Amino acid sequence: MGDARGRCDGNTLVVDTANMNDWDWLDATGTFHSDAITMVERFTFVDAKTMSYQVTITDPKVLTRPFTITLPFEKRARAANYELLEAACVEGEKSAEGLGFGEPPRP
């Protein structure tokens, strides 16, 4: 929901995001943010099965100081016949039907 720019720093992909709009929340509980929010995400391969994800969020209008969250992502075995589908994203679209898949909502 903003302007993201990526660059490589060794084996780390660094993504800086700024100019975020107010269409979303900062988290699933509805924490708001201002138009001054910026995020720096770091995706680092630790080994063949683990990636470290780190995000630093700065919002001088809402937060007293930046904060950082770090999470490990681990590769897992997929179930037989598992297919990963492409995630379609269309700004402002709220229904799967409008994206061209899924059944229409039932009354």
N, C-alpha and C. Protein backbone atom coordinates (compact mmCIF):
# COMPACT_ATOMS: atom_id res chain seq x y z
N MET A 1 0.83 -1.20 0.00
CA MET A 1 0.00 0.00 0.00
C MET A 1 0.87 1.26 0.00
N GLY A 2 2.04 1.15 -0.61
CA GLY A 2 2.95 2.29 -0.68
C GLY A 2 3.93 2.09 -1.83
N ASP A 3 5.00 2.87 -1.81
CA ASP A 3 6.04 2.76 -2.83
C ASP A 3 7.20 1.96 -2.25
N ALA A 4 7.40 0.75 -2.76
CA ALA A 4 8.45 -0.13 -2.26
C ALA A 4 9.62 -0.15 -3.23
N ARG A 5 10.82 -0.08 -2.68
CA ARG A 5 12.04 -0.15 -3.48
C ARG A 5 12.95 -1.18 -2.85
N GLY A 6 13.41 -2.14 -3.65
CA GLY A 6 14.26 -3.20 -3.14
C GLY A 6 15.69 -3.08 -3.64
N ARG A 7 16.61 -3.62 -2.84
CA ARG A 7 18.02 -3.65 -3.20
C ARG A 7 18.67 -4.83 -2.49
N CYS A 8 19.77 -5.29 -3.00
CA CYS A 8 20.48 -6.39 -2.37
C CYS A 8 21.60 -5.85 -1.50
N ASP A 9 21.77 -6.49 -0.35
CA ASP A 9 22.85 -6.18 0.58
C ASP A 9 23.46 -7.52 0.98
N GLY A 10 24.42 -7.99 0.19
CA GLY A 10 24.96 -9.34 0.39
C GLY A 10 23.90 -10.37 0.05
N ASN A 11 23.60 -11.29 0.98
CA ASN A 11 22.55 -12.28 0.73
C ASN A 11 21.21 -11.84 1.32
N THR A 12 21.04 -10.54 1.52
CA THR A 12 19.81 -9.99 2.09
C THR A 12 19.13 -9.09 1.06
N LEU A 13 17.82 -9.31 0.89
CA LEU A 13 16.99 -8.40 0.10
C LEU A 13 16.43 -7.37 1.06
N VAL A 14 16.71 -6.09 0.82
CA VAL A 14 16.23 -5.00 1.67
C VAL A 14 15.17 -4.24 0.89
N VAL A 15 13.97 -4.10 1.47
CA VAL A 15 12.86 -3.40 0.82
C VAL A 15 12.47 -2.21 1.68
N ASP A 16 12.63 -1.00 1.12
CA ASP A 16 12.21 0.23 1.80
C ASP A 16 10.86 0.65 1.24
N THR A 17 9.88 0.89 2.12
CA THR A 17 8.55 1.29 1.68
C THR A 17 8.19 2.62 2.33
N ALA A 18 7.74 3.57 1.51
CA ALA A 18 7.32 4.89 1.98
C ALA A 18 6.06 5.29 1.20
N ASN A 19 5.56 6.48 1.47
CA ASN A 19 4.37 7.02 0.78
C ASN A 19 3.19 6.06 0.90
N MET A 20 3.00 5.50 2.07
CA MET A 20 1.90 4.55 2.28
C MET A 20 0.58 5.29 2.41
N ASN A 21 -0.48 4.67 1.87
CA ASN A 21 -1.80 5.28 1.98
C ASN A 21 -2.49 4.79 3.24
N ASP A 22 -3.69 5.26 3.49
CA ASP A 22 -4.40 4.90 4.71
C ASP A 22 -5.47 3.84 4.47
N TRP A 23 -5.27 3.00 3.47
CA TRP A 23 -6.25 1.95 3.14
C TRP A 23 -6.14 0.74 4.05
N ASP A 24 -5.11 0.69 4.87
CA ASP A 24 -4.92 -0.50 5.69
C ASP A 24 -4.59 -0.11 7.12
N TRP A 25 -4.42 -1.13 7.94
CA TRP A 25 -4.01 -0.94 9.32
C TRP A 25 -2.59 -1.44 9.46
N LEU A 26 -1.98 -1.09 10.57
CA LEU A 26 -0.63 -1.54 10.84
C LEU A 26 -0.60 -3.02 11.21
N ASP A 27 -1.69 -3.51 11.82
CA ASP A 27 -1.77 -4.92 12.22
C ASP A 27 -3.21 -5.40 12.15
N ALA A 28 -3.43 -6.66 12.51
CA ALA A 28 -4.75 -7.27 12.40
C ALA A 28 -5.74 -6.74 13.44
N THR A 29 -5.26 -6.04 14.46
CA THR A 29 -6.17 -5.53 15.49
C THR A 29 -6.68 -4.13 15.19
N GLY A 30 -6.23 -3.54 14.10
CA GLY A 30 -6.75 -2.24 13.69
C GLY A 30 -5.90 -1.06 14.13
N THR A 31 -4.65 -1.28 14.51
CA THR A 31 -3.77 -0.18 14.89
C THR A 31 -3.54 0.71 13.67
N PHE A 32 -3.84 1.99 13.84
CA PHE A 32 -3.72 2.91 12.71
C PHE A 32 -2.29 3.40 12.57
N HIS A 33 -2.03 4.05 11.44
CA HIS A 33 -0.74 4.68 11.20
C HIS A 33 -0.98 5.98 10.47
N SER A 34 0.03 6.80 10.41
CA SER A 34 -0.10 8.09 9.72
C SER A 34 0.51 8.00 8.32
N ASP A 35 0.45 9.11 7.61
CA ASP A 35 1.04 9.16 6.28
C ASP A 35 2.56 9.26 6.33
N ALA A 36 3.12 9.36 7.55
CA ALA A 36 4.57 9.47 7.71
C ALA A 36 5.24 8.12 7.94
N ILE A 37 4.48 7.03 7.93
CA ILE A 37 5.04 5.71 8.22
C ILE A 37 6.01 5.27 7.13
N THR A 38 7.08 4.62 7.55
CA THR A 38 8.02 3.98 6.63
C THR A 38 8.35 2.60 7.19
N MET A 39 8.69 1.69 6.31
CA MET A 39 9.05 0.32 6.71
C MET A 39 10.32 -0.08 5.98
N VAL A 40 11.20 -0.75 6.69
CA VAL A 40 12.39 -1.34 6.09
C VAL A 40 12.33 -2.83 6.40
N GLU A 41 12.16 -3.64 5.34
CA GLU A 41 12.09 -5.09 5.49
C GLU A 41 13.39 -5.71 5.01
N ARG A 42 13.83 -6.75 5.74
CA ARG A 42 15.07 -7.45 5.39
C ARG A 42 14.77 -8.95 5.31
N PHE A 43 14.99 -9.54 4.15
CA PHE A 43 14.80 -10.97 3.90
C PHE A 43 16.19 -11.58 3.74
N THR A 44 16.61 -12.41 4.71
CA THR A 44 17.95 -12.98 4.71
C THR A 44 17.88 -14.49 4.76
N PHE A 45 18.55 -15.18 3.82
CA PHE A 45 18.63 -16.63 3.87
C PHE A 45 19.66 -17.04 4.90
N VAL A 46 19.20 -17.78 5.91
CA VAL A 46 20.08 -18.26 6.98
C VAL A 46 20.72 -19.56 6.56
N ASP A 47 19.92 -20.46 5.98
CA ASP A 47 20.40 -21.72 5.42
C ASP A 47 19.43 -22.13 4.32
N ALA A 48 19.59 -23.35 3.81
CA ALA A 48 18.77 -23.81 2.67
C ALA A 48 17.28 -23.90 3.01
N LYS A 49 16.93 -23.99 4.28
CA LYS A 49 15.52 -24.15 4.65
C LYS A 49 14.98 -23.03 5.52
N THR A 50 15.79 -22.02 5.82
CA THR A 50 15.35 -20.97 6.73
C THR A 50 15.65 -19.58 6.17
N MET A 51 14.66 -18.71 6.28
CA MET A 51 14.83 -17.31 5.91
C MET A 51 14.46 -16.46 7.12
N SER A 52 15.25 -15.47 7.42
CA SER A 52 14.95 -14.54 8.50
C SER A 52 14.25 -13.33 7.90
N TYR A 53 13.11 -12.96 8.50
CA TYR A 53 12.37 -11.76 8.07
C TYR A 53 12.45 -10.75 9.19
N GLN A 54 12.87 -9.54 8.87
CA GLN A 54 12.97 -8.48 9.87
C GLN A 54 12.34 -7.22 9.29
N VAL A 55 11.50 -6.57 10.07
CA VAL A 55 10.89 -5.32 9.62
C VAL A 55 11.05 -4.27 10.71
N THR A 56 11.48 -3.08 10.31
CA THR A 56 11.57 -1.95 11.21
C THR A 56 10.55 -0.91 10.75
N ILE A 57 9.67 -0.54 11.67
CA ILE A 57 8.59 0.40 11.36
C ILE A 57 8.85 1.70 12.08
N THR A 58 8.78 2.79 11.32
CA THR A 58 8.98 4.13 11.86
C THR A 58 7.78 4.98 11.49
N ASP A 59 7.20 5.64 12.47
CA ASP A 59 6.07 6.55 12.22
C ASP A 59 6.13 7.66 13.26
N PRO A 60 6.85 8.75 12.99
CA PRO A 60 7.04 9.80 13.99
C PRO A 60 5.76 10.51 14.43
N LYS A 61 4.69 10.40 13.64
CA LYS A 61 3.43 11.04 14.03
C LYS A 61 2.62 10.19 15.01
N VAL A 62 2.88 8.87 15.05
CA VAL A 62 2.09 7.97 15.90
C VAL A 62 2.95 7.28 16.97
N LEU A 63 4.17 6.89 16.61
CA LEU A 63 5.02 6.13 17.52
C LEU A 63 6.06 7.02 18.19
N THR A 64 6.43 6.70 19.43
CA THR A 64 7.46 7.47 20.12
C THR A 64 8.86 7.11 19.63
N ARG A 65 9.02 5.90 19.09
CA ARG A 65 10.30 5.47 18.52
C ARG A 65 10.05 4.31 17.56
N PRO A 66 10.98 4.06 16.64
CA PRO A 66 10.82 2.92 15.73
C PRO A 66 10.86 1.60 16.51
N PHE A 67 10.24 0.56 15.93
CA PHE A 67 10.35 -0.77 16.52
C PHE A 67 10.64 -1.78 15.43
N THR A 68 11.24 -2.91 15.85
CA THR A 68 11.65 -3.95 14.92
C THR A 68 11.07 -5.29 15.34
N ILE A 69 10.61 -6.05 14.36
CA ILE A 69 10.10 -7.40 14.57
C ILE A 69 10.96 -8.34 13.72
N THR A 70 11.36 -9.48 14.28
CA THR A 70 12.13 -10.47 13.54
C THR A 70 11.43 -11.82 13.66
N LEU A 71 11.23 -12.48 12.52
CA LEU A 71 10.58 -13.79 12.47
C LEU A 71 11.36 -14.73 11.57
N PRO A 72 11.49 -16.00 11.96
CA PRO A 72 12.08 -16.98 11.04
C PRO A 72 10.99 -17.61 10.18
N PHE A 73 11.27 -17.81 8.92
CA PHE A 73 10.38 -18.55 8.02
C PHE A 73 11.10 -19.83 7.64
N GLU A 74 10.43 -20.96 7.88
CA GLU A 74 11.05 -22.25 7.59
C GLU A 74 10.32 -22.96 6.46
N LYS A 75 11.08 -23.52 5.53
CA LYS A 75 10.51 -24.28 4.42
C LYS A 75 9.99 -25.60 4.96
N ARG A 76 8.80 -25.95 4.54
CA ARG A 76 8.19 -27.20 4.97
C ARG A 76 7.84 -28.05 3.76
N ALA A 77 7.73 -29.33 3.99
CA ALA A 77 7.34 -30.24 2.91
C ALA A 77 5.89 -29.99 2.53
N ARG A 78 5.60 -30.02 1.26
CA ARG A 78 4.23 -29.82 0.78
C ARG A 78 3.49 -31.14 0.70
N ALA A 79 2.19 -31.06 0.88
CA ALA A 79 1.35 -32.25 0.74
C ALA A 79 1.31 -32.66 -0.74
N ALA A 80 1.01 -33.93 -0.98
CA ALA A 80 0.89 -34.42 -2.36
C ALA A 80 -0.19 -33.64 -3.09
N ASN A 81 0.04 -33.37 -4.35
CA ASN A 81 -0.89 -32.65 -5.22
C ASN A 81 -1.14 -31.21 -4.77
N TYR A 82 -0.22 -30.64 -4.01
CA TYR A 82 -0.35 -29.25 -3.54
C TYR A 82 0.03 -28.31 -4.67
N GLU A 83 -0.75 -27.29 -4.86
CA GLU A 83 -0.46 -26.29 -5.89
C GLU A 83 -0.55 -24.91 -5.27
N LEU A 84 0.49 -24.12 -5.43
CA LEU A 84 0.51 -22.76 -4.93
C LEU A 84 -0.05 -21.85 -6.01
N LEU A 85 -1.17 -21.19 -5.72
CA LEU A 85 -1.82 -20.33 -6.70
C LEU A 85 -1.30 -18.90 -6.60
N GLU A 86 -1.29 -18.23 -7.72
CA GLU A 86 -0.89 -16.84 -7.76
C GLU A 86 -1.89 -16.00 -6.99
N ALA A 87 -1.39 -15.04 -6.22
CA ALA A 87 -2.27 -14.15 -5.47
C ALA A 87 -2.52 -12.91 -6.32
N ALA A 88 -3.78 -12.69 -6.68
CA ALA A 88 -4.15 -11.53 -7.48
C ALA A 88 -4.47 -10.37 -6.56
N CYS A 89 -4.01 -9.21 -6.89
CA CYS A 89 -4.26 -8.02 -6.07
C CYS A 89 -4.76 -6.91 -6.98
N VAL A 90 -5.95 -6.43 -6.71
CA VAL A 90 -6.54 -5.36 -7.48
C VAL A 90 -6.99 -4.29 -6.50
N GLU A 91 -6.45 -3.08 -6.63
CA GLU A 91 -6.77 -2.03 -5.67
C GLU A 91 -8.26 -1.77 -5.59
N GLY A 92 -8.77 -1.76 -4.38
CA GLY A 92 -10.17 -1.44 -4.17
C GLY A 92 -11.11 -2.62 -4.32
N GLU A 93 -10.64 -3.75 -4.87
CA GLU A 93 -11.51 -4.91 -5.07
C GLU A 93 -11.68 -5.66 -3.76
N LYS A 94 -12.91 -5.95 -3.39
CA LYS A 94 -13.19 -6.59 -2.12
C LYS A 94 -13.71 -8.01 -2.25
N SER A 95 -14.03 -8.47 -3.46
CA SER A 95 -14.63 -9.79 -3.58
C SER A 95 -13.82 -10.67 -4.52
N ALA A 96 -13.82 -11.97 -4.21
CA ALA A 96 -13.12 -12.92 -5.07
C ALA A 96 -13.80 -13.00 -6.43
N GLU A 97 -15.12 -12.85 -6.45
CA GLU A 97 -15.85 -12.92 -7.72
C GLU A 97 -15.36 -11.83 -8.68
N GLY A 98 -15.12 -10.63 -8.14
CA GLY A 98 -14.66 -9.52 -8.97
C GLY A 98 -13.27 -9.74 -9.54
N LEU A 99 -12.51 -10.65 -8.95
CA LEU A 99 -11.18 -10.95 -9.44
C LEU A 99 -11.20 -12.04 -10.50
N GLY A 100 -12.39 -12.60 -10.77
CA GLY A 100 -12.53 -13.59 -11.82
C GLY A 100 -12.48 -15.03 -11.35
N PHE A 101 -12.58 -15.26 -10.06
CA PHE A 101 -12.63 -16.63 -9.57
C PHE A 101 -13.53 -16.68 -8.34
N GLY A 102 -13.93 -17.86 -8.00
CA GLY A 102 -14.79 -18.03 -6.83
C GLY A 102 -16.26 -17.91 -7.21
N GLU A 103 -17.11 -18.36 -6.32
CA GLU A 103 -18.54 -18.28 -6.54
C GLU A 103 -19.06 -16.94 -6.05
N PRO A 104 -20.15 -16.47 -6.63
CA PRO A 104 -20.72 -15.20 -6.15
C PRO A 104 -21.28 -15.39 -4.74
N PRO A 105 -21.32 -14.33 -3.94
CA PRO A 105 -21.86 -14.45 -2.59
C PRO A 105 -23.33 -14.88 -2.61
N ARG A 106 -23.68 -15.67 -1.64
CA ARG A 106 -25.08 -16.13 -1.53
C ARG A 106 -25.87 -15.13 -0.68
N PRO A 107 -27.14 -14.90 -1.08
CA PRO A 107 -27.95 -13.93 -0.31
C PRO A 107 -28.31 -14.43 1.07
